[in-house]
Amino acid sequence: MLALTRRPGEHLVIDDNIIVTVVEIRGDSVRLAIDAPKSVKIYRGEIYDAIVQENRQAAAVAGTQAALDLLKGFKMEKK
């Protein structure tokens, strides 16, 4: 992780096409402006964490469904 100190109005550049500018610092809050191509997805941390969790849950359900679908193909013989 890289930790930088910036003042309002200063910016940093990521990969030649993403610019993060410090707009305002007020108490414990920092307001940032991010200029990036539309193809770059930008999420607040808590939103990203929620998306990851939902994707994990969906993958677990999909995996369970795939296993159930496989079992449907088996036929049990009655004795």
PDB file of N, CA and C in Angstrom:
ATOM      1  N   MET A   1       0.847  -1.185   0.000  1.00  0.00           N
ATOM      2  CA  MET A   1       0.000   0.000   0.000  1.00  0.00           C
ATOM      3  C   MET A   1       0.885   1.238   0.000  1.00  0.00           C
ATOM      4  N   LEU A   2       0.469   2.198  -0.743  1.00  0.00           N
ATOM      5  CA  LEU A   2       1.170   3.473  -0.819  1.00  0.00           C
ATOM      6  C   LEU A   2       0.368   4.511  -0.047  1.00  0.00           C
ATOM      7  N   ALA A   3       0.985   5.194   0.890  1.00  0.00           N
ATOM      8  CA  ALA A   3       0.321   6.258   1.646  1.00  0.00           C
ATOM      9  C   ALA A   3       0.961   7.586   1.255  1.00  0.00           C
ATOM     10  N   LEU A   4       0.119   8.537   0.847  1.00  0.00           N
ATOM     11  CA  LEU A   4       0.601   9.842   0.408  1.00  0.00           C
ATOM     12  C   LEU A   4      -0.064  10.953   1.203  1.00  0.00           C
ATOM     13  N   THR A   5       0.615  12.062   1.297  1.00  0.00           N
ATOM     14  CA  THR A   5       0.035  13.249   1.895  1.00  0.00           C
ATOM     15  C   THR A   5      -0.252  14.246   0.776  1.00  0.00           C
ATOM     16  N   ARG A   6      -1.485  14.721   0.713  1.00  0.00           N
ATOM     17  CA  ARG A   6      -1.895  15.689  -0.297  1.00  0.00           C
ATOM     18  C   ARG A   6      -2.697  16.784   0.384  1.00  0.00           C
ATOM     19  N   ARG A   7      -2.648  17.971  -0.164  1.00  0.00           N
ATOM     20  CA  ARG A   7      -3.430  19.105   0.326  1.00  0.00           C
ATOM     21  C   ARG A   7      -4.566  19.362  -0.646  1.00  0.00           C
ATOM     22  N   PRO A   8      -5.580  20.100  -0.207  1.00  0.00           N
ATOM     23  CA  PRO A   8      -6.671  20.432  -1.137  1.00  0.00           C
ATOM     24  C   PRO A   8      -6.125  21.073  -2.411  1.00  0.00           C
ATOM     25  N   GLY A   9      -6.643  20.615  -3.542  1.00  0.00           N
ATOM     26  CA  GLY A   9      -6.201  21.119  -4.836  1.00  0.00           C
ATOM     27  C   GLY A   9      -5.091  20.280  -5.449  1.00  0.00           C
ATOM     28  N   GLU A  10      -4.398  19.488  -4.635  1.00  0.00           N
ATOM     29  CA  GLU A  10      -3.345  18.629  -5.157  1.00  0.00           C
ATOM     30  C   GLU A  10      -3.966  17.318  -5.640  1.00  0.00           C
ATOM     31  N   HIS A  11      -3.246  16.649  -6.515  1.00  0.00           N
ATOM     32  CA  HIS A  11      -3.787  15.419  -7.078  1.00  0.00           C
ATOM     33  C   HIS A  11      -2.706  14.367  -7.219  1.00  0.00           C
ATOM     34  N   LEU A  12      -3.145  13.168  -7.585  1.00  0.00           N
ATOM     35  CA  LEU A  12      -2.219  12.110  -7.941  1.00  0.00           C
ATOM     36  C   LEU A  12      -2.752  11.424  -9.187  1.00  0.00           C
ATOM     37  N   VAL A  13      -1.853  10.816  -9.922  1.00  0.00           N
ATOM     38  CA  VAL A  13      -2.202  10.181 -11.196  1.00  0.00           C
ATOM     39  C   VAL A  13      -1.916   8.688 -11.080  1.00  0.00           C
ATOM     40  N   ILE A  14      -2.896   7.885 -11.515  1.00  0.00           N
ATOM     41  CA  ILE A  14      -2.756   6.436 -11.496  1.00  0.00           C
ATOM     42  C   ILE A  14      -2.821   5.936 -12.933  1.00  0.00           C
ATOM     43  N   ASP A  15      -1.800   5.221 -13.344  1.00  0.00           N
ATOM     44  CA  ASP A  15      -1.758   4.562 -14.650  1.00  0.00           C
ATOM     45  C   ASP A  15      -2.033   5.514 -15.817  1.00  0.00           C
ATOM     46  N   ASP A  16      -1.578   6.725 -15.743  1.00  0.00           N
ATOM     47  CA  ASP A  16      -1.670   7.726 -16.820  1.00  0.00           C
ATOM     48  C   ASP A  16      -3.083   8.162 -17.194  1.00  0.00           C
ATOM     49  N   ASN A  17      -4.126   7.523 -16.654  1.00  0.00           N
ATOM     50  CA  ASN A  17      -5.477   7.905 -17.085  1.00  0.00           C
ATOM     51  C   ASN A  17      -6.481   8.061 -15.952  1.00  0.00           C
ATOM     52  N   ILE A  18      -6.027   7.971 -14.715  1.00  0.00           N
ATOM     53  CA  ILE A  18      -6.914   8.191 -13.567  1.00  0.00           C
ATOM     54  C   ILE A  18      -6.297   9.291 -12.715  1.00  0.00           C
ATOM     55  N   ILE A  19      -7.067  10.341 -12.470  1.00  0.00           N
ATOM     56  CA  ILE A  19      -6.583  11.467 -11.667  1.00  0.00           C
ATOM     57  C   ILE A  19      -7.471  11.592 -10.434  1.00  0.00           C
ATOM     58  N   VAL A  20      -6.842  11.537  -9.262  1.00  0.00           N
ATOM     59  CA  VAL A  20      -7.563  11.704  -7.994  1.00  0.00           C
ATOM     60  C   VAL A  20      -7.124  13.032  -7.397  1.00  0.00           C
ATOM     61  N   THR A  21      -8.088  13.926  -7.189  1.00  0.00           N
ATOM     62  CA  THR A  21      -7.803  15.263  -6.663  1.00  0.00           C
ATOM     63  C   THR A  21      -8.444  15.427  -5.299  1.00  0.00           C
ATOM     64  N   VAL A  22      -7.697  15.975  -4.362  1.00  0.00           N
ATOM     65  CA  VAL A  22      -8.255  16.305  -3.045  1.00  0.00           C
ATOM     66  C   VAL A  22      -9.024  17.603  -3.206  1.00  0.00           C
ATOM     67  N   VAL A  23     -10.331  17.548  -2.984  1.00  0.00           N
ATOM     68  CA  VAL A  23     -11.174  18.724  -3.159  1.00  0.00           C
ATOM     69  C   VAL A  23     -11.284  19.506  -1.860  1.00  0.00           C
ATOM     70  N   GLU A  24     -11.471  18.775  -0.760  1.00  0.00           N
ATOM     71  CA  GLU A  24     -11.721  19.454   0.512  1.00  0.00           C
ATOM     72  C   GLU A  24     -11.375  18.525   1.666  1.00  0.00           C
ATOM     73  N   ILE A  25     -10.862  19.107   2.743  1.00  0.00           N
ATOM     74  CA  ILE A  25     -10.638  18.373   3.983  1.00  0.00           C
ATOM     75  C   ILE A  25     -11.392  19.124   5.070  1.00  0.00           C
ATOM     76  N   ARG A  26     -12.300  18.419   5.723  1.00  0.00           N
ATOM     77  CA  ARG A  26     -13.119  19.049   6.763  1.00  0.00           C
ATOM     78  C   ARG A  26     -13.175  18.093   7.955  1.00  0.00           C
ATOM     79  N   GLY A  27     -12.441  18.407   9.002  1.00  0.00           N
ATOM     80  CA  GLY A  27     -12.401  17.523  10.167  1.00  0.00           C
ATOM     81  C   GLY A  27     -11.791  16.184   9.783  1.00  0.00           C
ATOM     82  N   ASP A  28     -12.564  15.111  10.010  1.00  0.00           N
ATOM     83  CA  ASP A  28     -12.096  13.768   9.691  1.00  0.00           C
ATOM     84  C   ASP A  28     -12.498  13.317   8.287  1.00  0.00           C
ATOM     85  N   SER A  29     -13.102  14.200   7.506  1.00  0.00           N
ATOM     86  CA  SER A  29     -13.570  13.835   6.171  1.00  0.00           C
ATOM     87  C   SER A  29     -12.684  14.432   5.087  1.00  0.00           C
ATOM     88  N   VAL A  30     -12.459  13.644   4.057  1.00  0.00           N
ATOM     89  CA  VAL A  30     -11.710  14.097   2.895  1.00  0.00           C
ATOM     90  C   VAL A  30     -12.615  13.932   1.681  1.00  0.00           C
ATOM     91  N   ARG A  31     -12.785  14.977   0.914  1.00  0.00           N
ATOM     92  CA  ARG A  31     -13.610  14.919  -0.296  1.00  0.00           C
ATOM     93  C   ARG A  31     -12.657  14.792  -1.484  1.00  0.00           C
ATOM     94  N   LEU A  32     -12.879  13.736  -2.300  1.00  0.00           N
ATOM     95  CA  LEU A  32     -12.030  13.460  -3.447  1.00  0.00           C
ATOM     96  C   LEU A  32     -12.810  13.596  -4.746  1.00  0.00           C
ATOM     97  N   ALA A  33     -12.135  14.000  -5.791  1.00  0.00           N
ATOM     98  CA  ALA A  33     -12.701  13.987  -7.139  1.00  0.00           C
ATOM     99  C   ALA A  33     -11.866  12.995  -7.943  1.00  0.00           C
ATOM    100  N   ILE A  34     -12.547  12.108  -8.661  1.00  0.00           N
ATOM    101  CA  ILE A  34     -11.850  11.082  -9.429  1.00  0.00           C
ATOM    102  C   ILE A  34     -12.214  11.238 -10.901  1.00  0.00           C
ATOM    103  N   ASP A  35     -11.214  11.428 -11.718  1.00  0.00           N
ATOM    104  CA  ASP A  35     -11.405  11.527 -13.164  1.00  0.00           C
ATOM    105  C   ASP A  35     -10.808  10.271 -13.775  1.00  0.00           C
ATOM    106  N   ALA A  36     -11.694   9.409 -14.316  1.00  0.00           N
ATOM    107  CA  ALA A  36     -11.246   8.134 -14.876  1.00  0.00           C
ATOM    108  C   ALA A  36     -12.085   7.795 -16.097  1.00  0.00           C
ATOM    109  N   PRO A  37     -11.575   6.935 -16.967  1.00  0.00           N
ATOM    110  CA  PRO A  37     -12.368   6.495 -18.112  1.00  0.00           C
ATOM    111  C   PRO A  37     -13.647   5.801 -17.640  1.00  0.00           C
ATOM    112  N   LYS A  38     -14.689   5.867 -18.446  1.00  0.00           N
ATOM    113  CA  LYS A  38     -15.965   5.250 -18.082  1.00  0.00           C
ATOM    114  C   LYS A  38     -15.845   3.742 -17.894  1.00  0.00           C
ATOM    115  N   SER A  39     -14.852   3.133 -18.510  1.00  0.00           N
ATOM    116  CA  SER A  39     -14.670   1.686 -18.392  1.00  0.00           C
ATOM    117  C   SER A  39     -14.120   1.274 -17.025  1.00  0.00           C
ATOM    118  N   VAL A  40     -13.621   2.229 -16.246  1.00  0.00           N
ATOM    119  CA  VAL A  40     -13.084   1.932 -14.919  1.00  0.00           C
ATOM    120  C   VAL A  40     -14.217   1.994 -13.900  1.00  0.00           C
ATOM    121  N   LYS A  41     -14.411   0.891 -13.183  1.00  0.00           N
ATOM    122  CA  LYS A  41     -15.456   0.846 -12.162  1.00  0.00           C
ATOM    123  C   LYS A  41     -14.896   1.417 -10.866  1.00  0.00           C
ATOM    124  N   ILE A  42     -15.652   2.332 -10.264  1.00  0.00           N
ATOM    125  CA  ILE A  42     -15.233   2.962  -9.017  1.00  0.00           C
ATOM    126  C   ILE A  42     -16.356   2.787  -8.005  1.00  0.00           C
ATOM    127  N   TYR A  43     -16.045   2.170  -6.864  1.00  0.00           N
ATOM    128  CA  TYR A  43     -17.033   1.929  -5.814  1.00  0.00           C
ATOM    129  C   TYR A  43     -16.500   2.434  -4.477  1.00  0.00           C
ATOM    130  N   ARG A  44     -17.393   2.889  -3.622  1.00  0.00           N
ATOM    131  CA  ARG A  44     -17.007   3.131  -2.233  1.00  0.00           C
ATOM    132  C   ARG A  44     -16.693   1.773  -1.620  1.00  0.00           C
ATOM    133  N   GLY A  45     -15.786   1.737  -0.671  1.00  0.00           N
ATOM    134  CA  GLY A  45     -15.335   0.485  -0.073  1.00  0.00           C
ATOM    135  C   GLY A  45     -16.455  -0.386   0.459  1.00  0.00           C
ATOM    136  N   GLU A  46     -17.404   0.207   1.190  1.00  0.00           N
ATOM    137  CA  GLU A  46     -18.481  -0.587   1.790  1.00  0.00           C
ATOM    138  C   GLU A  46     -19.418  -1.154   0.724  1.00  0.00           C
ATOM    139  N   ILE A  47     -19.591  -0.429  -0.372  1.00  0.00           N
ATOM    140  CA  ILE A  47     -20.422  -0.927  -1.475  1.00  0.00           C
ATOM    141  C   ILE A  47     -19.705  -2.086  -2.169  1.00  0.00           C
ATOM    142  N   TYR A  48     -18.415  -1.947  -2.403  1.00  0.00           N
ATOM    143  CA  TYR A  48     -17.644  -3.004  -3.035  1.00  0.00           C
ATOM    144  C   TYR A  48     -17.675  -4.273  -2.181  1.00  0.00           C
ATOM    145  N   ASP A  49     -17.497  -4.121  -0.871  1.00  0.00           N
ATOM    146  CA  ASP A  49     -17.541  -5.276   0.034  1.00  0.00           C
ATOM    147  C   ASP A  49     -18.895  -5.981  -0.033  1.00  0.00           C
ATOM    148  N   ALA A  50     -19.979  -5.221  -0.112  1.00  0.00           N
ATOM    149  CA  ALA A  50     -21.322  -5.806  -0.210  1.00  0.00           C
ATOM    150  C   ALA A  50     -21.486  -6.563  -1.528  1.00  0.00           C
ATOM    151  N   ILE A  51     -20.967  -6.016  -2.619  1.00  0.00           N
ATOM    152  CA  ILE A  51     -21.045  -6.677  -3.922  1.00  0.00           C
ATOM    153  C   ILE A  51     -20.281  -8.003  -3.885  1.00  0.00           C
ATOM    154  N   VAL A  52     -19.089  -7.988  -3.310  1.00  0.00           N
ATOM    155  CA  VAL A  52     -18.279  -9.209  -3.213  1.00  0.00           C
ATOM    156  C   VAL A  52     -19.021 -10.267  -2.405  1.00  0.00           C
ATOM    157  N   GLN A  53     -19.611  -9.869  -1.282  1.00  0.00           N
ATOM    158  CA  GLN A  53     -20.345 -10.807  -0.438  1.00  0.00           C
ATOM    159  C   GLN A  53     -21.545 -11.396  -1.188  1.00  0.00           C
ATOM    160  N   GLU A  54     -22.293 -10.569  -1.890  1.00  0.00           N
ATOM    161  CA  GLU A  54     -23.441 -11.049  -2.664  1.00  0.00           C
ATOM    162  C   GLU A  54     -23.003 -12.009  -3.764  1.00  0.00           C
ATOM    163  N   ASN A  55     -21.879 -11.710  -4.409  1.00  0.00           N
ATOM    164  CA  ASN A  55     -21.366 -12.602  -5.455  1.00  0.00           C
ATOM    165  C   ASN A  55     -20.960 -13.950  -4.872  1.00  0.00           C
ATOM    166  N   ARG A  56     -20.344 -13.949  -3.698  1.00  0.00           N
ATOM    167  CA  ARG A  56     -19.971 -15.214  -3.049  1.00  0.00           C
ATOM    168  C   ARG A  56     -21.207 -16.038  -2.716  1.00  0.00           C
ATOM    169  N   GLN A  57     -22.233 -15.373  -2.190  1.00  0.00           N
ATOM    170  CA  GLN A  57     -23.466 -16.085  -1.853  1.00  0.00           C
ATOM    171  C   GLN A  57     -24.123 -16.640  -3.111  1.00  0.00           C
ATOM    172  N   ALA A  58     -24.153 -15.868  -4.180  1.00  0.00           N
ATOM    173  CA  ALA A  58     -24.757 -16.325  -5.428  1.00  0.00           C
ATOM    174  C   ALA A  58     -23.981 -17.505  -6.000  1.00  0.00           C
ATOM    175  N   ALA A  59     -22.655 -17.474  -5.908  1.00  0.00           N
ATOM    176  CA  ALA A  59     -21.833 -18.573  -6.410  1.00  0.00           C
ATOM    177  C   ALA A  59     -22.084 -19.840  -5.602  1.00  0.00           C
ATOM    178  N   ALA A  60     -22.259 -19.702  -4.295  1.00  0.00           N
ATOM    179  CA  ALA A  60     -22.535 -20.865  -3.445  1.00  0.00           C
ATOM    180  C   ALA A  60     -23.878 -21.481  -3.814  1.00  0.00           C
ATOM    181  N   VAL A  61     -24.881 -20.659  -4.025  1.00  0.00           N
ATOM    182  CA  VAL A  61     -26.212 -21.145  -4.423  1.00  0.00           C
ATOM    183  C   VAL A  61     -26.137 -21.789  -5.807  1.00  0.00           C
ATOM    184  N   ALA A  62     -25.414 -21.165  -6.721  1.00  0.00           N
ATOM    185  CA  ALA A  62     -25.278 -21.716  -8.077  1.00  0.00           C
ATOM    186  C   ALA A  62     -24.565 -23.061  -8.029  1.00  0.00           C
ATOM    187  N   GLY A  63     -23.549 -23.182  -7.177  1.00  0.00           N
ATOM    188  CA  GLY A  63     -22.828 -24.444  -7.033  1.00  0.00           C
ATOM    189  C   GLY A  63     -23.729 -25.532  -6.488  1.00  0.00           C
ATOM    190  N   THR A  64     -24.565 -25.179  -5.525  1.00  0.00           N
ATOM    191  CA  THR A  64     -25.520 -26.130  -4.953  1.00  0.00           C
ATOM    192  C   THR A  64     -26.531 -26.539  -6.003  1.00  0.00           C
ATOM    193  N   GLN A  65     -27.010 -25.582  -6.786  1.00  0.00           N
ATOM    194  CA  GLN A  65     -27.988 -25.877  -7.829  1.00  0.00           C
ATOM    195  C   GLN A  65     -27.375 -26.796  -8.888  1.00  0.00           C
ATOM    196  N   ALA A  66     -26.120 -26.561  -9.252  1.00  0.00           N
ATOM    197  CA  ALA A  66     -25.452 -27.409 -10.244  1.00  0.00           C
ATOM    198  C   ALA A  66     -25.336 -28.838  -9.731  1.00  0.00           C
ATOM    199  N   ALA A  67     -25.026 -29.007  -8.453  1.00  0.00           N
ATOM    200  CA  ALA A  67     -24.932 -30.349  -7.869  1.00  0.00           C
ATOM    201  C   ALA A  67     -26.295 -31.024  -7.877  1.00  0.00           C
ATOM    202  N   LEU A  68     -27.334 -30.281  -7.557  1.00  0.00           N
ATOM    203  CA  LEU A  68     -28.686 -30.851  -7.578  1.00  0.00           C
ATOM    204  C   LEU A  68     -29.091 -31.251  -8.991  1.00  0.00           C
ATOM    205  N   ASP A  69     -28.725 -30.442  -9.969  1.00  0.00           N
ATOM    206  CA  ASP A  69     -29.032 -30.760 -11.360  1.00  0.00           C
ATOM    207  C   ASP A  69     -28.336 -32.055 -11.800  1.00  0.00           C
ATOM    208  N   LEU A  70     -27.098 -32.263 -11.324  1.00  0.00           N
ATOM    209  CA  LEU A  70     -26.390 -33.508 -11.634  1.00  0.00           C
ATOM    210  C   LEU A  70     -27.112 -34.707 -11.030  1.00  0.00           C
ATOM    211  N   LEU A  71     -27.584 -34.559  -9.809  1.00  0.00           N
ATOM    212  CA  LEU A  71     -28.267 -35.658  -9.129  1.00  0.00           C
ATOM    213  C   LEU A  71     -29.579 -36.026  -9.827  1.00  0.00           C
ATOM    214  N   LYS A  72     -30.211 -35.072 -10.467  1.00  0.00           N
ATOM    215  CA  LYS A  72     -31.467 -35.341 -11.170  1.00  0.00           C
ATOM    216  C   LYS A  72     -31.273 -36.360 -12.284  1.00  0.00           C
ATOM    217  N   GLY A  73     -30.054 -36.442 -12.820  1.00  0.00           N
ATOM    218  CA  GLY A  73     -29.759 -37.349 -13.911  1.00  0.00           C
ATOM    219  C   GLY A  73     -29.657 -38.813 -13.476  1.00  0.00           C
ATOM    220  N   PHE A  74     -29.480 -39.063 -12.190  1.00  0.00           N
ATOM    221  CA  PHE A  74     -29.357 -40.422 -11.685  1.00  0.00           C
ATOM    222  C   PHE A  74     -30.737 -41.016 -11.406  1.00  0.00           C
ATOM    223  N   LYS A  75     -30.885 -42.262 -11.772  1.00  0.00           N
ATOM    224  CA  LYS A  75     -32.142 -42.939 -11.492  1.00  0.00           C
ATOM    225  C   LYS A  75     -31.848 -44.091 -10.544  1.00  0.00           C
ATOM    226  N   MET A  76     -32.607 -44.158  -9.502  1.00  0.00           N
ATOM    227  CA  MET A  76     -32.426 -45.228  -8.524  1.00  0.00           C
ATOM    228  C   MET A  76     -33.356 -46.380  -8.878  1.00  0.00           C
ATOM    229  N   GLU A  77     -32.835 -47.579  -8.774  1.00  0.00           N
ATOM    230  CA  GLU A  77     -33.647 -48.772  -9.035  1.00  0.00           C
ATOM    231  C   GLU A  77     -34.312 -49.206  -7.758  1.00  0.00           C
ATOM    232  N   LYS A  78     -35.563 -49.548  -7.851  1.00  0.00           N
ATOM    233  CA  LYS A  78     -36.297 -50.049  -6.689  1.00  0.00           C
ATOM    234  C   LYS A  78     -36.044 -51.534  -6.557  1.00  0.00           C
ATOM    235  N   LYS A  79     -35.892 -52.007  -5.359  1.00  0.00           N
ATOM    236  CA  LYS A  79     -35.664 -53.428  -5.105  1.00  0.00           C
ATOM    237  C   LYS A  79     -36.905 -54.074  -4.547  1.00  0.00           C
TER     238      LYS A  79
END
